[in-house]
Amino acid sequence: MTETRRSRERPRSLSRDPEGFRKEVREFADETLRPLADRTDREARFNAEAFEQMAEMGLLGVIFPEEHGGMGGDYVLYATAVEEIGRACASTGLSYAAHVSLGANPIKLFGTDEQKEKYLAPLARGEYLGSWALTEPDAGSDAGGTKTTAGKVDGGWVLNGCKKFITHGNLAGTVVVLAKSDPEASGSRGITSFIVEKGTQGFSVGELEDKMGLRGSPTAELIFEDCFVPDENVTGEVGTGFRQALETLDGGRISIAALSIGIAQAAFEDALAYAKKRRQFGKAIGEFQAVQHKIADMGTEIEAARSLTLTACRAKDTGERTTRLSAMAKLFASEVALRACQQSFQVHGGYAFVRQYPAERYLRDVQLMTIGEGTSEIQRLVISRQYGLYENMNEEG
């Protein structure tokens, strides 16, 4: 699916009942993803076969309308899918979330009918992967530092610049790219969003990052050198790219919250199982109060994070603006997950340190959750701003 566009039949129907849907996705993830998770990490191997299967199930189009090749589901189902996939293999969960919420969702939100037919439909059917390119070497949280430019020419735009840390950007059939289209505009103003197809002249992939975690989800540098993009590939109005990015991130942060919960749940379940079977001083370590308290705290915080994330999902499904709730869910769930993975590592003791158990992988994978799609520090600024405490963050709207 990463090299060529393949037409697909309508995917088989998954349950729309949240619990039935969770059960079906969990069965798929446990049978297909979990057995390969260690190899996926160790070999930094993108699990293309799993994405083929997820496409056939309809998961790659879970939140997109049926008329555009999707399942017609809601954010509750989507977050459930991200959690269950991430619980089995965080690398696969990250690329899944990036495809849906970043690579395809901006086209659903801001694309023309023609763009939705040409690009969203094949993305929803899983004919190829989609990616989103905002971050640059000197511009991440500070979008006002965007240096990739888009110069207007007859019939389109010419892009020049470099994007950094782009999830599976080397595999994507289309990339939604943010570039400065008005050099005179200050800060984050004057940024426009473009759909760039793989194979476009002047568009190339640079180096792939050698990462500490989530190694089965490649992270690429994307380079644009006099790359021509036609006018019909502009999403939304010219100059509104950063506002589009903010709305895209409202959904993307829900994705990271759900992925964080999936990683935390896996770490919790492993710690619980280990505590029941590992014996010291003549009894299972789960009989010691210190271990019991760790398990209790992990379970409680994970349930709280899941509830907050589902609250953000339900708000999203009713059409509310979820900037505050999305940031809260992402902030809380990612920090809960980090604590859960640390505690799971501690419960496993020396066995975690020698990779006999996946506790060390969880701890490596979870580090990105408090960084990606806005660090915890940025989430706190976003939340405080929603309460009327303004910071100079170069944000619009």
Protein backbone atom coordinates (compact mmCIF):
# COMPACT_ATOMS: atom_id res chain seq x y z
CA MET A 1 0.00 0.00 0.00
CA THR A 2 2.98 2.28 0.42
CA GLU A 3 4.25 2.10 -3.16
CA THR A 4 1.21 2.05 -5.39
CA ARG A 5 -2.41 3.03 -5.25
CA ARG A 6 -4.67 0.03 -5.08
CA SER A 7 -8.41 0.14 -5.46
CA ARG A 8 -10.30 -1.72 -2.74
CA GLU A 9 -13.68 -3.23 -2.30
CA ARG A 10 -15.91 -1.78 0.40
CA PRO A 11 -14.46 -2.97 3.73
CA ARG A 12 -16.19 -5.56 5.85
CA SER A 13 -18.51 -4.11 8.44
CA LEU A 14 -17.21 -3.67 11.98
CA SER A 15 -19.55 -3.27 14.91
CA ARG A 16 -20.68 0.31 15.63
CA ASP A 17 -21.29 -0.58 19.26
CA PRO A 18 -18.27 0.76 21.19
CA GLU A 19 -17.75 -2.41 23.22
CA GLY A 20 -18.32 -4.71 20.26
CA PHE A 21 -15.96 -2.57 18.20
CA ARG A 22 -13.32 -2.68 20.96
CA LYS A 23 -13.60 -6.46 21.14
CA GLU A 24 -13.12 -6.88 17.38
CA VAL A 25 -10.15 -4.51 17.18
CA ARG A 26 -8.53 -6.06 20.25
CA GLU A 27 -8.82 -9.55 18.75
CA PHE A 28 -7.19 -8.33 15.56
CA ALA A 29 -4.43 -6.51 17.46
CA ASP A 30 -3.68 -9.41 19.80
CA GLU A 31 -3.55 -11.91 16.97
CA THR A 32 -1.76 -9.81 14.36
CA LEU A 33 0.23 -7.00 15.99
CA ARG A 34 1.29 -8.17 19.43
CA PRO A 35 3.28 -11.25 18.25
CA LEU A 36 5.37 -9.03 15.96
CA ALA A 37 5.74 -6.00 18.23
CA ASP A 38 9.19 -6.91 19.49
CA ARG A 39 10.48 -7.61 15.98
CA THR A 40 8.86 -4.42 14.69
CA ASP A 41 10.79 -2.46 17.31
CA ARG A 42 14.06 -4.37 17.14
CA GLU A 43 14.33 -4.25 13.34
CA ALA A 44 12.74 -0.79 12.97
CA ARG A 45 10.36 -2.53 10.59
CA PHE A 46 7.18 -0.84 9.39
CA ASN A 47 4.40 -3.43 9.51
CA ALA A 48 2.93 -2.90 6.05
CA GLU A 49 1.02 -6.18 6.21
CA ALA A 50 -0.89 -4.98 9.26
CA PHE A 51 -1.91 -1.82 7.45
CA GLU A 52 -3.19 -3.89 4.55
CA GLN A 53 -5.39 -5.78 7.00
CA MET A 54 -6.54 -2.62 8.76
CA ALA A 55 -7.50 -1.17 5.39
CA GLU A 56 -9.54 -4.27 4.60
CA MET A 57 -11.30 -3.90 7.97
CA GLY A 58 -12.13 -0.26 7.23
CA LEU A 59 -10.07 1.07 10.13
CA LEU A 60 -8.08 3.53 8.00
CA GLY A 61 -11.29 5.39 7.23
CA VAL A 62 -13.04 5.02 10.56
CA ILE A 63 -14.03 8.70 10.99
CA PHE A 64 -14.61 9.52 7.33
CA PRO A 65 -17.98 9.53 5.51
CA GLU A 66 -19.04 6.45 3.62
CA GLU A 67 -19.40 8.48 0.42
CA HIS A 68 -15.65 9.12 0.61
CA GLY A 69 -14.66 5.53 1.26
CA GLY A 70 -14.85 5.64 5.04
CA MET A 71 -16.67 3.76 7.76
CA GLY A 72 -18.78 6.72 8.86
CA GLY A 73 -17.80 6.17 12.50
CA ASP A 74 -17.17 8.69 15.26
CA TYR A 75 -14.26 9.76 17.45
CA VAL A 76 -15.24 7.36 20.20
CA LEU A 77 -14.66 4.46 17.82
CA TYR A 78 -11.51 6.06 16.46
CA ALA A 79 -9.95 6.60 19.89
CA THR A 80 -10.87 3.03 20.79
CA ALA A 81 -9.06 1.76 17.69
CA VAL A 82 -5.96 3.85 18.43
CA GLU A 83 -5.90 2.60 22.03
CA GLU A 84 -6.25 -1.07 21.15
CA ILE A 85 -3.75 -0.95 18.30
CA GLY A 86 -1.30 0.99 20.48
CA ARG A 87 -1.78 -1.47 23.34
CA ALA A 88 -0.54 -4.26 21.06
CA CYS A 89 2.12 -2.32 19.13
CA ALA A 90 2.78 1.35 19.82
CA SER A 91 4.71 1.84 16.58
CA THR A 92 1.76 0.67 14.51
CA GLY A 93 -0.56 2.75 16.67
CA LEU A 94 1.43 5.90 15.99
CA SER A 95 1.42 5.49 12.22
CA TYR A 96 -2.25 4.56 12.28
CA ALA A 97 -3.12 7.71 14.23
CA ALA A 98 -0.91 9.89 12.03
CA HIS A 99 -2.53 8.54 8.86
CA VAL A 100 -6.07 9.17 10.04
CA SER A 101 -5.86 12.37 12.09
CA LEU A 102 -3.02 14.15 10.31
CA GLY A 103 -2.62 12.71 6.83
CA ALA A 104 -6.29 12.44 5.89
CA ASN A 105 -8.41 14.46 8.32
CA PRO A 106 -7.24 17.92 7.10
CA ILE A 107 -8.57 17.02 3.67
CA LYS A 108 -11.90 16.04 5.20
CA LEU A 109 -12.04 19.27 7.21
CA PHE A 110 -10.80 21.78 4.63
CA GLY A 111 -10.67 20.07 1.24
CA THR A 112 -12.87 20.79 -1.74
CA ASP A 113 -15.27 18.15 -3.06
CA GLU A 114 -12.77 17.43 -5.81
CA GLN A 115 -9.92 17.00 -3.31
CA LYS A 116 -12.04 14.68 -1.18
CA GLU A 117 -12.84 12.52 -4.16
CA LYS A 118 -9.29 12.50 -5.47
CA TYR A 119 -7.38 12.18 -2.18
CA LEU A 120 -9.58 11.54 0.86
CA ALA A 121 -11.40 8.55 -0.64
CA PRO A 122 -8.26 6.52 -1.43
CA LEU A 123 -6.76 7.49 1.94
CA ALA A 124 -9.89 6.32 3.74
CA ARG A 125 -9.87 3.06 1.79
CA GLY A 126 -6.20 2.57 2.63
CA GLU A 127 -4.92 2.57 -0.93
CA TYR A 128 -1.88 4.48 0.36
CA LEU A 129 -0.74 6.27 3.51
CA GLY A 130 -1.12 9.96 4.18
CA SER A 131 1.20 12.25 6.12
CA TRP A 132 1.25 15.81 7.50
CA ALA A 133 4.23 18.14 7.45
CA LEU A 134 4.29 21.05 9.87
CA THR A 135 7.50 20.67 11.90
CA GLU A 136 10.83 22.03 10.65
CA PRO A 137 14.36 22.07 12.09
CA ASP A 138 13.65 25.52 13.61
CA ALA A 139 9.86 25.47 13.78
CA GLY A 140 7.75 23.12 15.87
CA SER A 141 5.80 24.65 18.70
CA ASP A 142 6.78 28.02 17.24
CA ALA A 143 4.98 27.83 13.91
CA GLY A 144 5.89 31.46 13.34
CA GLY A 145 9.38 30.18 12.62
CA THR A 146 8.24 28.31 9.50
CA LYS A 147 10.86 28.77 6.78
CA THR A 148 9.43 26.53 4.04
CA THR A 149 8.16 28.95 1.42
CA ALA A 150 5.44 28.83 -1.21
CA GLY A 151 5.96 31.29 -4.05
CA LYS A 152 3.03 32.08 -6.34
CA VAL A 153 3.53 31.29 -10.01
CA ASP A 154 1.17 30.92 -12.96
CA GLY A 155 -1.23 28.07 -12.18
CA GLY A 156 0.16 27.16 -8.80
CA TRP A 157 2.88 27.50 -6.19
CA VAL A 158 6.55 26.58 -5.88
CA LEU A 159 7.62 25.10 -2.53
CA ASN A 160 11.12 25.33 -1.12
CA GLY A 161 12.26 24.16 2.29
CA CYS A 162 12.68 21.23 4.65
CA LYS A 163 10.30 19.46 7.04
CA LYS A 164 11.53 17.44 10.00
CA PHE A 165 10.21 14.58 12.17
CA ILE A 166 7.42 13.64 9.75
CA THR A 167 5.75 10.35 10.69
CA HIS A 168 6.09 7.83 7.83
CA GLY A 169 6.69 10.71 5.42
CA ASN A 170 8.92 8.40 3.39
CA LEU A 171 6.01 6.02 2.79
CA ALA A 172 3.15 8.44 2.20
CA GLY A 173 1.34 8.74 -1.09
CA THR A 174 0.27 12.27 -0.20
CA VAL A 175 1.59 14.80 2.28
CA VAL A 176 -0.29 17.85 3.54
CA VAL A 177 2.41 20.52 3.76
CA LEU A 178 2.33 23.86 5.59
CA ALA A 179 4.38 26.62 3.97
CA LYS A 180 4.77 30.37 4.24
CA SER A 181 2.92 31.84 1.27
CA ASP A 182 3.13 35.48 2.32
CA PRO A 183 6.66 36.47 3.32
CA GLU A 184 5.44 39.85 4.54
CA ALA A 185 2.98 38.38 7.05
CA SER A 186 4.12 38.30 10.66
CA GLY A 187 4.32 35.27 12.93
CA SER A 188 2.09 32.37 11.98
CA ARG A 189 0.03 34.42 9.56
CA GLY A 190 0.46 33.95 5.85
CA ILE A 191 0.85 30.16 6.03
CA THR A 192 -0.98 28.01 3.48
CA SER A 193 -1.69 24.28 3.34
CA PHE A 194 -0.92 22.21 0.23
CA ILE A 195 -1.48 18.60 -0.81
CA VAL A 196 1.71 17.23 -2.37
CA GLU A 197 1.72 13.88 -4.13
CA LYS A 198 4.52 11.37 -3.89
CA GLY A 199 6.66 11.52 -7.01
CA THR A 200 6.12 15.23 -7.58
CA GLN A 201 9.23 16.74 -9.12
CA GLY A 202 11.25 18.60 -6.52
CA PHE A 203 9.83 16.59 -3.60
CA SER A 204 12.23 14.09 -2.02
CA VAL A 205 12.84 12.21 1.22
CA GLY A 206 15.94 13.04 3.23
CA GLU A 207 17.32 11.10 6.18
CA LEU A 208 15.33 8.77 8.41
CA GLU A 209 15.71 9.25 12.15
CA ASP A 210 17.34 6.57 14.30
CA LYS A 211 14.95 6.73 17.26
CA MET A 212 15.00 5.39 20.80
CA GLY A 213 11.39 4.23 20.62
CA LEU A 214 8.44 3.73 18.26
CA ARG A 215 11.04 2.37 15.89
CA GLY A 216 8.55 0.59 13.67
CA SER A 217 7.02 3.91 12.67
CA PRO A 218 9.56 5.67 10.43
CA THR A 219 10.23 9.36 10.97
CA ALA A 220 11.49 11.22 7.92
CA GLU A 221 12.93 14.47 6.70
CA LEU A 222 11.11 15.86 3.64
CA ILE A 223 12.82 18.19 1.19
CA PHE A 224 11.18 20.57 -1.30
CA GLU A 225 13.32 22.09 -4.03
CA ASP A 226 11.40 24.18 -6.57
CA CYS A 227 8.48 21.78 -6.09
CA PHE A 228 5.48 22.88 -8.15
CA VAL A 229 2.02 22.36 -6.62
CA PRO A 230 -1.07 23.33 -8.66
CA ASP A 231 -3.66 25.78 -7.35
CA GLU A 232 -6.22 23.00 -7.05
CA ASN A 233 -4.06 21.38 -4.35
CA VAL A 234 -4.40 24.28 -1.92
CA THR A 235 -6.61 23.23 1.02
CA GLY A 236 -8.89 25.93 2.35
CA GLU A 237 -8.19 29.58 1.72
CA VAL A 238 -4.71 30.90 1.05
CA GLY A 239 -3.13 32.19 4.26
CA THR A 240 -5.30 30.17 6.64
CA GLY A 241 -2.94 27.20 7.00
CA PHE A 242 -2.07 27.77 10.63
CA ARG A 243 -5.70 28.00 11.69
CA GLN A 244 -6.24 24.73 9.86
CA ALA A 245 -3.28 23.27 11.74
CA LEU A 246 -4.77 24.25 15.10
CA GLU A 247 -8.04 22.51 14.28
CA THR A 248 -6.18 19.49 12.94
CA LEU A 249 -4.23 19.28 16.18
CA ASP A 250 -7.45 19.28 18.21
CA GLY A 251 -8.16 15.88 16.71
CA GLY A 252 -4.54 14.80 16.65
CA ARG A 253 -4.13 15.37 20.37
CA ILE A 254 -7.07 13.09 21.03
CA SER A 255 -5.15 10.48 19.02
CA ILE A 256 -2.05 10.86 21.18
CA ALA A 257 -4.16 10.67 24.33
CA ALA A 258 -5.68 7.40 23.12
CA LEU A 259 -2.29 6.01 22.09
CA SER A 260 -0.90 6.95 25.50
CA ILE A 261 -3.71 5.01 27.16
CA GLY A 262 -2.98 2.00 24.98
CA ILE A 263 0.69 1.99 25.97
CA ALA A 264 -0.20 2.53 29.62
CA GLN A 265 -2.74 -0.28 29.54
CA ALA A 266 -0.17 -2.69 28.12
CA ALA A 267 2.36 -1.69 30.77
CA PHE A 268 -0.27 -2.07 33.50
CA GLU A 269 -1.42 -5.50 32.35
CA ASP A 270 2.16 -6.76 32.15
CA ALA A 271 3.00 -5.41 35.60
CA LEU A 272 -0.12 -7.00 37.07
CA ALA A 273 0.64 -10.39 35.53
CA TYR A 274 4.27 -10.22 36.63
CA ALA A 275 3.32 -9.22 40.19
CA LYS A 276 1.13 -12.31 40.46
CA LYS A 277 3.78 -14.78 39.34
CA ARG A 278 7.13 -13.31 40.48
CA ARG A 279 8.05 -14.66 43.89
CA GLN A 280 10.41 -13.15 46.44
CA PHE A 281 10.75 -13.88 50.15
CA GLY A 282 8.49 -16.89 49.75
CA LYS A 283 5.47 -15.20 48.15
CA ALA A 284 4.30 -13.37 45.05
CA ILE A 285 5.53 -9.77 44.98
CA GLY A 286 1.91 -8.68 44.40
CA GLU A 287 1.28 -9.54 48.04
CA PHE A 288 3.58 -6.74 49.13
CA GLN A 289 1.78 -3.49 49.84
CA ALA A 290 4.34 -1.37 47.97
CA VAL A 291 3.58 -3.27 44.75
CA GLN A 292 -0.15 -3.24 45.41
CA HIS A 293 -0.11 0.55 45.67
CA LYS A 294 1.72 0.86 42.35
CA ILE A 295 -0.89 -1.33 40.64
CA ALA A 296 -3.75 0.59 42.26
CA ASP A 297 -2.37 3.96 41.18
CA MET A 298 -1.72 2.77 37.64
CA GLY A 299 -5.21 1.32 37.21
CA THR A 300 -6.92 4.37 38.68
CA GLU A 301 -5.03 6.90 36.59
CA ILE A 302 -5.52 4.94 33.37
CA GLU A 303 -9.29 4.82 33.91
CA ALA A 304 -9.32 8.56 34.62
CA ALA A 305 -7.31 9.29 31.47
CA ARG A 306 -9.64 7.12 29.39
CA SER A 307 -12.70 8.92 30.76
CA LEU A 308 -11.24 12.35 29.97
CA THR A 309 -10.27 11.24 26.47
CA LEU A 310 -13.77 9.89 25.81
CA THR A 311 -15.21 13.20 27.03
CA ALA A 312 -13.11 14.99 24.41
CA CYS A 313 -14.25 12.46 21.79
CA ARG A 314 -17.93 12.98 22.56
CA ALA A 315 -17.49 16.74 22.40
CA LYS A 316 -15.78 16.35 19.03
CA ASP A 317 -18.62 14.16 17.80
CA THR A 318 -21.22 16.81 18.70
CA GLY A 319 -19.34 19.45 16.72
CA GLU A 320 -17.95 21.36 19.69
CA ARG A 321 -14.57 23.03 19.48
CA THR A 322 -12.37 20.79 21.60
CA THR A 323 -9.14 22.78 21.90
CA ARG A 324 -9.22 22.77 25.70
CA LEU A 325 -10.48 19.22 26.16
CA SER A 326 -8.11 17.82 23.54
CA ALA A 327 -5.13 19.49 25.19
CA MET A 328 -6.26 18.31 28.63
CA ALA A 329 -6.72 14.74 27.43
CA LYS A 330 -3.34 14.70 25.69
CA LEU A 331 -1.55 16.28 28.65
CA PHE A 332 -3.10 14.06 31.30
CA ALA A 333 -3.05 10.78 29.37
CA SER A 334 0.55 11.19 28.23
CA GLU A 335 1.81 11.94 31.72
CA VAL A 336 -0.27 9.10 33.18
CA ALA A 337 1.25 6.78 30.60
CA LEU A 338 4.77 7.91 31.42
CA ARG A 339 4.18 7.20 35.11
CA ALA A 340 2.57 3.85 34.34
CA CYS A 341 5.50 2.73 32.22
CA GLN A 342 7.97 3.85 34.87
CA GLN A 343 6.07 1.94 37.56
CA SER A 344 5.74 -1.15 35.37
CA PHE A 345 9.49 -1.04 34.83
CA GLN A 346 10.00 -0.81 38.58
CA VAL A 347 7.71 -3.77 39.25
CA HIS A 348 9.67 -5.87 36.75
CA GLY A 349 12.96 -4.88 38.35
CA GLY A 350 16.11 -6.27 36.74
CA TYR A 351 14.18 -8.28 34.17
CA ALA A 352 12.90 -5.07 32.58
CA PHE A 353 16.44 -3.80 32.17
CA VAL A 354 17.59 -6.81 30.14
CA ARG A 355 14.70 -6.80 27.64
CA GLN A 356 13.32 -10.14 28.72
CA TYR A 357 9.97 -8.40 29.10
CA PRO A 358 8.53 -5.56 27.00
CA ALA A 359 8.55 -3.15 29.96
CA GLU A 360 11.67 -1.46 28.61
CA ARG A 361 10.06 -1.04 25.18
CA TYR A 362 7.02 0.61 26.71
CA LEU A 363 9.28 3.03 28.56
CA ARG A 364 11.10 3.94 25.35
CA ASP A 365 7.92 4.24 23.30
CA VAL A 366 6.02 6.36 25.79
CA GLN A 367 8.62 9.14 25.83
CA LEU A 368 7.19 10.63 22.62
CA MET A 369 3.72 10.97 24.10
CA THR A 370 4.67 14.00 26.20
CA ILE A 371 6.45 15.57 23.20
CA GLY A 372 4.58 14.80 19.96
CA GLU A 373 1.82 17.12 18.72
CA GLY A 374 2.78 19.66 21.33
CA THR A 375 4.86 19.09 24.44
CA SER A 376 3.30 18.96 27.90
CA GLU A 377 4.54 22.51 28.38
CA ILE A 378 2.70 23.67 25.25
CA GLN A 379 -0.47 21.84 26.33
CA ARG A 380 -0.43 23.75 29.60
CA LEU A 381 -0.11 27.02 27.66
CA VAL A 382 -2.98 26.03 25.35
CA ILE A 383 -5.20 25.13 28.32
CA SER A 384 -4.40 28.29 30.25
CA ARG A 385 -5.06 30.34 27.14
CA GLN A 386 -8.50 28.75 26.85
CA TYR A 387 -9.16 30.09 30.33
CA GLY A 388 -8.25 33.58 29.18
CA LEU A 389 -4.62 33.64 30.30
CA TYR A 390 -2.84 34.73 27.15
CA GLU A 391 0.73 33.93 26.24
CA ASN A 392 2.73 35.15 23.26
CA MET A 393 2.63 31.89 21.30
CA ASN A 394 2.23 33.27 17.77
CA GLU A 395 -1.20 31.63 17.58
CA GLU A 396 -4.18 32.98 15.66
CA GLY A 397 -7.84 32.87 16.55
